C-alpha atoms as a PDB file:
ATOM      1  CA  MET A   1      70.528 123.666  62.757  1.00  0.00           C
ATOM      2  CA  ALA A   2      67.057 123.932  61.265  1.00  0.00           C
ATOM      3  CA  GLU A   3      66.936 124.958  57.604  1.00  0.00           C
ATOM      4  CA  HIS A   4      66.642 128.722  57.004  1.00  0.00           C
ATOM      5  CA  LEU A   5      67.124 129.484  60.724  1.00  0.00           C
ATOM      6  CA  ASP A   6      69.293 132.506  61.453  1.00  0.00           C
ATOM      7  CA  PRO A   7      72.426 131.563  63.419  1.00  0.00           C
ATOM      8  CA  TYR A   8      72.424 132.113  67.159  1.00  0.00           C
ATOM      9  CA  SER A   9      74.952 131.928  69.980  1.00  0.00           C
ATOM     10  CA  VAL A  10      75.057 130.426  73.461  1.00  0.00           C
ATOM     11  CA  VAL A  11      76.011 132.426  76.568  1.00  0.00           C
ATOM     12  CA  ILE A  12      76.877 130.592  79.814  1.00  0.00           C
ATOM     13  CA  THR A  13      77.558 132.229  83.180  1.00  0.00           C
ATOM     14  CA  THR A  14      79.665 130.249  85.639  1.00  0.00           C
ATOM     15  CA  PHE A  15      82.138 130.375  88.549  1.00  0.00           C
ATOM     16  CA  ASP A  16      84.656 128.137  90.295  1.00  0.00           C
ATOM     17  CA  LYS A  17      82.437 126.116  92.645  1.00  0.00           C
ATOM     18  CA  ARG A  18      80.336 124.750  89.793  1.00  0.00           C
ATOM     19  CA  PHE A  19      83.147 123.725  87.463  1.00  0.00           C
ATOM     20  CA  ASP A  20      83.357 119.937  87.841  1.00  0.00           C
ATOM     21  CA  ALA A  21      79.783 119.130  88.841  1.00  0.00           C
ATOM     22  CA  PHE A  22      77.933 121.411  86.440  1.00  0.00           C
ATOM     23  CA  PHE A  23      79.925 123.384  83.885  1.00  0.00           C
ATOM     24  CA  VAL A  24      82.057 120.530  82.540  1.00  0.00           C
ATOM     25  CA  PRO A  25      79.102 118.277  81.648  1.00  0.00           C
ATOM     26  CA  LEU A  26      76.995 121.199  80.377  1.00  0.00           C
ATOM     27  CA  LEU A  27      79.547 122.355  77.823  1.00  0.00           C
ATOM     28  CA  ALA A  28      80.122 118.747  76.749  1.00  0.00           C
ATOM     29  CA  GLN A  29      76.378 118.332  76.199  1.00  0.00           C
ATOM     30  CA  ILE A  30      76.189 121.525  74.137  1.00  0.00           C
ATOM     31  CA  LYS A  31      79.124 120.544  71.948  1.00  0.00           C
ATOM     32  CA  SER A  32      77.907 116.979  71.472  1.00  0.00           C
ATOM     33  CA  GLN A  33      74.574 118.307  70.179  1.00  0.00           C
ATOM     34  CA  ARG A  34      75.846 121.342  68.252  1.00  0.00           C
ATOM     35  CA  PRO A  35      79.648 120.995  67.817  1.00  0.00           C
ATOM     36  CA  ASN A  36      80.200 124.234  65.892  1.00  0.00           C
ATOM     37  CA  ILE A  37      77.875 126.585  67.736  1.00  0.00           C
ATOM     38  CA  GLU A  38      79.425 129.768  69.128  1.00  0.00           C
ATOM     39  CA  VAL A  39      79.612 129.681  72.933  1.00  0.00           C
ATOM     40  CA  ILE A  40      80.479 132.729  75.038  1.00  0.00           C
ATOM     41  CA  VAL A  41      81.454 131.816  78.613  1.00  0.00           C
ATOM     42  CA  THR A  42      81.436 134.564  81.254  1.00  0.00           C
ATOM     43  CA  ILE A  43      83.455 133.422  84.260  1.00  0.00           C
ATOM     44  CA  ASN A  44      82.886 135.221  87.546  1.00  0.00           C
ATOM     45  CA  GLY A  45      85.511 135.878  90.172  1.00  0.00           C
ATOM     46  CA  PRO A  46      85.169 135.689  93.969  1.00  0.00           C
ATOM     47  CA  ALA A  47      83.738 138.520  96.065  1.00  0.00           C
ATOM     48  CA  LYS A  48      86.110 138.426  99.030  1.00  0.00           C
ATOM     49  CA  SER A  49      89.121 136.350  98.009  1.00  0.00           C
ATOM     50  CA  SER A  50      91.710 136.012  95.258  1.00  0.00           C
ATOM     51  CA  PHE A  51      90.918 134.270  91.992  1.00  0.00           C
ATOM     52  CA  ASP A  52      91.823 130.573  92.172  1.00  0.00           C
ATOM     53  CA  GLU A  53      94.775 130.105  89.810  1.00  0.00           C
ATOM     54  CA  GLY A  54      94.181 126.363  89.630  1.00  0.00           C
ATOM     55  CA  TYR A  55      90.606 126.958  88.500  1.00  0.00           C
ATOM     56  CA  ARG A  56      91.764 129.520  85.934  1.00  0.00           C
ATOM     57  CA  ALA A  57      94.175 127.007  84.420  1.00  0.00           C
ATOM     58  CA  HIS A  58      91.674 124.150  84.461  1.00  0.00           C
ATOM     59  CA  ILE A  59      88.781 126.011  82.860  1.00  0.00           C
ATOM     60  CA  LEU A  60      90.953 127.545  80.128  1.00  0.00           C
ATOM     61  CA  SER A  61      92.404 124.124  79.355  1.00  0.00           C
ATOM     62  CA  TYR A  62      88.929 122.604  79.222  1.00  0.00           C
ATOM     63  CA  LEU A  63      87.520 125.337  76.974  1.00  0.00           C
ATOM     64  CA  ALA A  64      90.431 124.882  74.565  1.00  0.00           C
ATOM     65  CA  GLN A  65      89.260 121.327  73.819  1.00  0.00           C
ATOM     66  CA  PHE A  66      86.237 122.670  71.931  1.00  0.00           C
ATOM     67  CA  PRO A  67      85.941 124.860  68.822  1.00  0.00           C
ATOM     68  CA  GLN A  68      84.108 128.177  68.885  1.00  0.00           C
ATOM     69  CA  VAL A  69      84.231 128.706  72.669  1.00  0.00           C
ATOM     70  CA  PHE A  70      85.245 132.171  73.845  1.00  0.00           C
ATOM     71  CA  PRO A  71      85.771 133.049  77.538  1.00  0.00           C
ATOM     72  CA  THR A  72      85.462 136.360  79.348  1.00  0.00           C
ATOM     73  CA  MET A  73      86.972 136.149  82.823  1.00  0.00           C
ATOM     74  CA  PHE A  74      86.454 138.591  85.705  1.00  0.00           C
ATOM     75  CA  PRO A  75      89.225 138.664  88.352  1.00  0.00           C
ATOM     76  CA  SER A  76      86.731 139.734  91.044  1.00  0.00           C
ATOM     77  CA  PHE A  77      83.008 139.239  91.622  1.00  0.00           C
ATOM     78  CA  GLN A  78      80.654 140.958  89.182  1.00  0.00           C
ATOM     79  CA  SER A  79      76.889 141.169  88.923  1.00  0.00           C
ATOM     80  CA  LEU A  80      74.850 138.679  86.940  1.00  0.00           C
ATOM     81  CA  ALA A  81      73.468 141.703  85.080  1.00  0.00           C
ATOM     82  CA  LYS A  82      76.974 142.605  83.911  1.00  0.00           C
ATOM     83  CA  MET A  83      77.753 139.005  82.951  1.00  0.00           C
ATOM     84  CA  TRP A  84      74.575 138.760  80.869  1.00  0.00           C
ATOM     85  CA  ASN A  85      75.277 142.125  79.226  1.00  0.00           C
ATOM     86  CA  ARG A  86      78.891 141.317  78.408  1.00  0.00           C
ATOM     87  CA  GLY A  87      77.935 137.883  77.157  1.00  0.00           C
ATOM     88  CA  ALA A  88      75.324 139.332  74.810  1.00  0.00           C
ATOM     89  CA  LEU A  89      77.702 142.062  73.629  1.00  0.00           C
ATOM     90  CA  ASN A  90      80.366 139.491  72.765  1.00  0.00           C
ATOM     91  CA  THR A  91      78.139 137.286  70.610  1.00  0.00           C
ATOM     92  CA  SER A  92      78.407 137.384  66.830  1.00  0.00           C
ATOM     93  CA  HIS A  93      74.665 136.923  66.310  1.00  0.00           C
ATOM     94  CA  ASN A  94      71.510 138.830  67.189  1.00  0.00           C
ATOM     95  CA  ARG A  95      69.953 136.117  69.316  1.00  0.00           C
ATOM     96  CA  ALA A  96      71.571 134.104  72.079  1.00  0.00           C
ATOM     97  CA  LEU A  97      70.556 131.192  74.265  1.00  0.00           C
ATOM     98  CA  VAL A  98      71.496 132.408  77.760  1.00  0.00           C
ATOM     99  CA  LEU A  99      72.100 129.605  80.260  1.00  0.00           C
ATOM    100  CA  ASN A 100      72.875 129.216  83.928  1.00  0.00           C
ATOM    101  CA  ASP A 101      75.543 126.576  84.479  1.00  0.00           C
ATOM    102  CA  ASP A 102      73.431 124.185  86.607  1.00  0.00           C
ATOM    103  CA  LEU A 103      71.475 122.676  83.714  1.00  0.00           C
ATOM    104  CA  GLU A 104      71.321 119.365  81.889  1.00  0.00           C
ATOM    105  CA  LEU A 105      70.601 119.260  78.150  1.00  0.00           C
ATOM    106  CA  LYS A 106      69.409 115.842  77.046  1.00  0.00           C
ATOM    107  CA  THR A 107      69.047 113.709  73.944  1.00  0.00           C
ATOM    108  CA  GLU A 108      66.420 110.982  73.692  1.00  0.00           C
ATOM    109  CA  ASN A 109      65.681 108.687  70.749  1.00  0.00           C
ATOM    110  CA  GLY A 110      67.833 110.756  68.451  1.00  0.00           C
ATOM    111  CA  VAL A 111      66.122 114.044  69.365  1.00  0.00           C
ATOM    112  CA  SER A 112      68.082 116.677  71.295  1.00  0.00           C
ATOM    113  CA  PHE A 113      67.221 119.752  73.310  1.00  0.00           C
ATOM    114  CA  PHE A 114      68.599 121.894  70.482  1.00  0.00           C
ATOM    115  CA  ASP A 115      66.199 120.326  67.998  1.00  0.00           C
ATOM    116  CA  GLY A 116      63.292 121.549  70.103  1.00  0.00           C
ATOM    117  CA  LEU A 117      64.956 124.915  70.666  1.00  0.00           C
ATOM    118  CA  GLU A 118      65.451 125.519  66.957  1.00  0.00           C
ATOM    119  CA  THR A 119      61.840 124.655  66.240  1.00  0.00           C
ATOM    120  CA  ALA A 120      60.893 127.330  68.784  1.00  0.00           C
ATOM    121  CA  LEU A 121      63.357 129.854  67.340  1.00  0.00           C
ATOM    122  CA  ALA A 122      61.841 129.392  63.892  1.00  0.00           C
ATOM    123  CA  SER A 123      58.322 130.182  65.101  1.00  0.00           C
ATOM    124  CA  GLN A 124      58.884 132.634  67.984  1.00  0.00           C
ATOM    125  CA  ALA A 125      60.539 135.970  67.264  1.00  0.00           C
ATOM    126  CA  GLY A 126      62.536 138.037  69.722  1.00  0.00           C
ATOM    127  CA  THR A 127      63.234 137.365  73.381  1.00  0.00           C
ATOM    128  CA  PHE A 128      61.499 134.526  75.189  1.00  0.00           C
ATOM    129  CA  LYS A 129      61.795 132.486  78.359  1.00  0.00           C
ATOM    130  CA  ILE A 130      62.124 128.720  78.183  1.00  0.00           C
ATOM    131  CA  ASN A 131      59.682 126.805  80.371  1.00  0.00           C
ATOM    132  CA  GLY A 132      58.797 129.992  82.236  1.00  0.00           C
ATOM    133  CA  SER A 133      62.293 130.590  83.614  1.00  0.00           C
ATOM    134  CA  PHE A 134      65.204 132.982  83.182  1.00  0.00           C
ATOM    135  CA  SER A 135      67.579 130.147  84.081  1.00  0.00           C
ATOM    136  CA  HIS A 136      67.445 129.493  80.342  1.00  0.00           C
ATOM    137  CA  PHE A 137      66.126 132.040  77.864  1.00  0.00           C
ATOM    138  CA  ILE A 138      66.545 133.469  74.392  1.00  0.00           C
ATOM    139  CA  LEU A 139      67.767 137.069  74.337  1.00  0.00           C
ATOM    140  CA  ASP A 140      67.354 139.298  71.294  1.00  0.00           C
ATOM    141  CA  LYS A 141      70.185 141.836  71.180  1.00  0.00           C
ATOM    142  CA  ARG A 142      68.110 144.488  69.410  1.00  0.00           C
ATOM    143  CA  GLU A 143      65.421 144.224  72.076  1.00  0.00           C
ATOM    144  CA  LEU A 144      68.096 144.375  74.781  1.00  0.00           C
ATOM    145  CA  ILE A 145      69.267 147.695  73.341  1.00  0.00           C
ATOM    146  CA  ASP A 146      65.721 149.044  72.946  1.00  0.00           C
ATOM    147  CA  VAL A 147      64.580 148.075  76.451  1.00  0.00           C
ATOM    148  CA  GLY A 148      67.892 148.944  78.056  1.00  0.00           C
ATOM    149  CA  PHE A 149      70.597 146.559  79.201  1.00  0.00           C
ATOM    150  CA  PHE A 150      70.284 144.559  82.404  1.00  0.00           C
ATOM    151  CA  ASP A 151      70.718 147.045  85.249  1.00  0.00           C
ATOM    152  CA  GLU A 152      74.313 146.817  86.477  1.00  0.00           C
ATOM    153  CA  ARG A 153      73.432 148.767  89.609  1.00  0.00           C
ATOM    154  CA  LEU A 154      72.138 145.388  90.769  1.00  0.00           C
ATOM    155  CA  LEU A 155      75.613 144.533  92.002  1.00  0.00           C
ATOM    156  CA  GLY A 156      74.945 140.928  92.989  1.00  0.00           C
ATOM    157  CA  LEU A 157      72.668 138.136  91.808  1.00  0.00           C
ATOM    158  CA  GLY A 158      68.900 138.234  91.517  1.00  0.00           C
ATOM    159  CA  GLU A 159      66.118 140.631  90.440  1.00  0.00           C
ATOM    160  CA  GLU A 160      67.836 141.540  87.159  1.00  0.00           C
ATOM    161  CA  ASP A 161      65.365 139.321  85.325  1.00  0.00           C
ATOM    162  CA  GLY A 162      62.307 140.838  87.007  1.00  0.00           C
ATOM    163  CA  ASP A 163      63.576 144.359  86.386  1.00  0.00           C
ATOM    164  CA  PHE A 164      64.144 143.613  82.692  1.00  0.00           C
ATOM    165  CA  PHE A 165      60.736 141.913  82.456  1.00  0.00           C
ATOM    166  CA  TRP A 166      59.095 145.045  83.929  1.00  0.00           C
ATOM    167  CA  ARG A 167      60.919 147.395  81.564  1.00  0.00           C
ATOM    168  CA  PHE A 168      60.205 145.136  78.573  1.00  0.00           C
ATOM    169  CA  TYR A 169      56.477 145.499  79.279  1.00  0.00           C
ATOM    170  CA  LYS A 170      56.861 149.257  79.706  1.00  0.00           C
ATOM    171  CA  LYS A 171      58.591 149.477  76.309  1.00  0.00           C
ATOM    172  CA  TYR A 172      56.453 147.116  74.225  1.00  0.00           C
ATOM    173  CA  LYS A 173      53.176 146.888  76.195  1.00  0.00           C
ATOM    174  CA  LYS A 174      53.461 143.106  76.193  1.00  0.00           C
ATOM    175  CA  GLU A 175      55.121 140.541  78.418  1.00  0.00           C
ATOM    176  CA  ILE A 176      58.103 138.420  77.481  1.00  0.00           C
ATOM    177  CA  PRO A 177      56.567 135.177  76.219  1.00  0.00           C
ATOM    178  CA  SER A 178      57.482 131.707  77.425  1.00  0.00           C
ATOM    179  CA  VAL A 179      57.933 128.656  75.211  1.00  0.00           C
ATOM    180  CA  ASP A 180      57.822 125.080  76.503  1.00  0.00           C
ATOM    181  CA  ILE A 181      60.804 123.014  75.355  1.00  0.00           C
ATOM    182  CA  GLY A 182      61.637 119.522  76.539  1.00  0.00           C
ATOM    183  CA  LEU A 183      64.904 117.717  77.258  1.00  0.00           C
ATOM    184  CA  ILE A 184      66.271 120.378  79.628  1.00  0.00           C
ATOM    185  CA  ASP A 185      66.535 119.977  83.404  1.00  0.00           C
ATOM    186  CA  ASN A 186      67.111 122.889  85.774  1.00  0.00           C
ATOM    187  CA  VAL A 187      68.995 121.580  88.823  1.00  0.00           C
ATOM    188  CA  GLN A 188      68.744 124.898  90.730  1.00  0.00           C
ATOM    189  CA  SER A 189      71.972 124.387  92.661  1.00  0.00           C
ATOM    190  CA  ASP A 190      72.480 126.252  95.943  1.00  0.00           C
ATOM    191  CA  LEU A 191      76.247 126.415  95.411  1.00  0.00           C
ATOM    192  CA  ALA A 192      77.184 130.093  95.575  1.00  0.00           C
ATOM    193  CA  ASP A 193      80.106 132.378  96.271  1.00  0.00           C
ATOM    194  CA  ASP A 194      80.649 132.854 100.016  1.00  0.00           C
ATOM    195  CA  GLY A 195      81.577 136.518  99.841  1.00  0.00           C
ATOM    196  CA  TYR A 196      78.232 138.300  99.452  1.00  0.00           C
ATOM    197  CA  THR A 197      75.184 138.603 101.733  1.00  0.00           C
ATOM    198  CA  LYS A 198      72.361 136.289 100.671  1.00  0.00           C
ATOM    199  CA  GLY A 199      68.664 137.076 100.620  1.00  0.00           C
ATOM    200  CA  ILE A 200      66.477 134.320  99.169  1.00  0.00           C
ATOM    201  CA  ARG A 201      68.600 131.235  98.438  1.00  0.00           C
ATOM    202  CA  THR A 202      71.597 132.351  96.350  1.00  0.00           C
ATOM    203  CA  ALA A 203      70.180 135.790  95.497  1.00  0.00           C
ATOM    204  CA  SER A 204      71.837 138.923  96.871  1.00  0.00           C
ATOM    205  CA  LYS A 205      70.125 140.886  99.622  1.00  0.00           C
ATOM    206  CA  PHE A 206      71.591 144.049  98.089  1.00  0.00           C
ATOM    207  CA  ASN A 207      69.734 143.573  94.813  1.00  0.00           C
ATOM    208  CA  ARG A 208      66.320 143.096  96.390  1.00  0.00           C
ATOM    209  CA  ASP A 209      66.835 146.049  98.733  1.00  0.00           C
ATOM    210  CA  PHE A 210      67.919 148.283  95.840  1.00  0.00           C
ATOM    211  CA  LEU A 211      64.817 147.514  93.798  1.00  0.00           C
ATOM    212  CA  GLN A 212      62.375 147.778  96.690  1.00  0.00           C
ATOM    213  CA  THR A 213      63.758 150.928  98.312  1.00  0.00           C
ATOM    214  CA  GLN A 214      65.344 152.905  95.462  1.00  0.00           C
ATOM    215  CA  LYS A 215      64.196 151.892  91.982  1.00  0.00           C
ATOM    216  CA  TYR A 216      60.515 150.963  92.418  1.00  0.00           C
ATOM    217  CA  LYS A 217      57.638 151.929  94.681  1.00  0.00           C
ATOM    218  CA  ASN A 218      54.508 149.915  95.444  1.00  0.00           C
ATOM    219  CA  THR A 219      51.301 151.452  94.111  1.00  0.00           C
ATOM    220  CA  LEU A 220      47.579 150.803  94.324  1.00  0.00           C
ATOM    221  CA  LEU A 221      46.761 152.867  91.237  1.00  0.00           C
ATOM    222  CA  GLY A 222      48.259 152.129  87.852  1.00  0.00           C
ATOM    223  CA  GLY A 223      51.642 150.529  87.808  1.00  0.00           C
ATOM    224  CA  TYR A 224      52.479 147.013  86.701  1.00  0.00           C
ATOM    225  CA  ARG A 225      53.337 143.909  88.678  1.00  0.00           C
ATOM    226  CA  GLY A 226      55.276 141.737  86.257  1.00  0.00           C
ATOM    227  CA  MET A 227      57.458 139.339  88.244  1.00  0.00           C
ATOM    228  CA  PHE A 228      57.338 141.435  91.424  1.00  0.00           C
ATOM    229  CA  ASP A 229      55.221 140.748  94.514  1.00  0.00           C
ATOM    230  CA  LYS A 230      52.978 143.784  93.966  1.00  0.00           C
ATOM    231  CA  LYS A 231      52.212 146.439  91.368  1.00  0.00           C
ATOM    232  CA  VAL A 232      54.952 149.051  91.246  1.00  0.00           C
ATOM    233  CA  ASN A 233      55.945 152.271  89.536  1.00  0.00           C
ATOM    234  CA  GLN A 234      59.544 153.067  88.667  1.00  0.00           C
ATOM    235  CA  ILE A 235      60.881 156.022  90.659  1.00  0.00           C
ATOM    236  CA  LEU A 236      64.598 155.863  89.790  1.00  0.00           C
ATOM    237  CA  GLU A 237      65.483 156.524  86.179  1.00  0.00           C
ATOM    238  CA  ASP A 238      67.776 154.240  84.222  1.00  0.00           C
ATOM    239  CA  GLU A 239      71.109 155.455  82.934  1.00  0.00           C
ATOM    240  CA  LYS A 240      71.944 154.500  79.347  1.00  0.00           C
ATOM    241  CA  GLN A 241      74.401 151.618  79.360  1.00  0.00           C
ATOM    242  CA  TYR A 242      76.646 150.759  76.394  1.00  0.00           C
ATOM    243  CA  PRO A 243      75.326 153.735  74.379  1.00  0.00           C
ATOM    244  CA  TYR A 244      77.416 153.025  71.275  1.00  0.00           C
ATOM    245  CA  GLU A 245      76.426 149.389  70.748  1.00  0.00           C
ATOM    246  CA  SER A 246      73.656 150.267  68.290  1.00  0.00           C
ATOM    247  CA  PHE A 247      76.146 152.413  66.331  1.00  0.00           C
ATOM    248  CA  TYR A 248      78.520 149.449  66.189  1.00  0.00           C
ATOM    249  CA  LEU A 249      75.829 147.088  64.900  1.00  0.00           C
ATOM    250  CA  GLU A 250      74.708 149.561  62.251  1.00  0.00           C
ATOM    251  CA  ASN A 251      78.198 150.375  60.998  1.00  0.00           C
ATOM    252  CA  LYS A 252      80.445 147.338  61.591  1.00  0.00           C
ATOM    253  CA  ASN A 253      80.098 146.170  57.981  1.00  0.00           C
ATOM    254  CA  LYS A 254      81.539 149.462  56.744  1.00  0.00           C
ATOM    255  CA  LEU A 255      84.992 148.720  58.144  1.00  0.00           C
END
């Protein structure tokens, strides 16, 4: 880790179909580059079937091979918003590298992805996307609390990043920045759970419909576009999620 850099965690979201092809090599790459880094793994369950007991045994056995890896396992399908929130809540540090599981982290000529990441962390404060994508991004827990957690009414996958991006701008009057970092490949796998209705690729139709028909409304005057197709105004208020997390962070050292 770069000198004088505050510690950070890694959060990975995954599920059974991506275990051998994607998750196994990804965790090995992380631990070969940063053996002692804290990794929180949020493991999703299936939407319309029982949790695969063989997969449960295999992933727990694999995780146990590495130090500082902590799983959270959901027996049934949960939203990506919830997995990101729970992953961030479980980290020991303020900032976390949040990763999809279909990524490759490389090392070339003695330089690793994490070397480039830590250079970026030292110069860029707060939350930021990596290479313009939420497939891999740095999340600042204090900003997550201030903006509001990822909206868990988005019950499937997709749109949680655009919704957070929109609310981040509303809160801070600036967009989430992006930092270019090399030695990371985004495979963008189409492997997905079979039990939910798809919209665009692996994204849930439910999530897009919820945002477009209930939470936001297109507007010609004012509004903000962000990552959406058009400028919108928010018409459905957000409920406060995890309201006591800030109290915990402010008082945990008093125990």
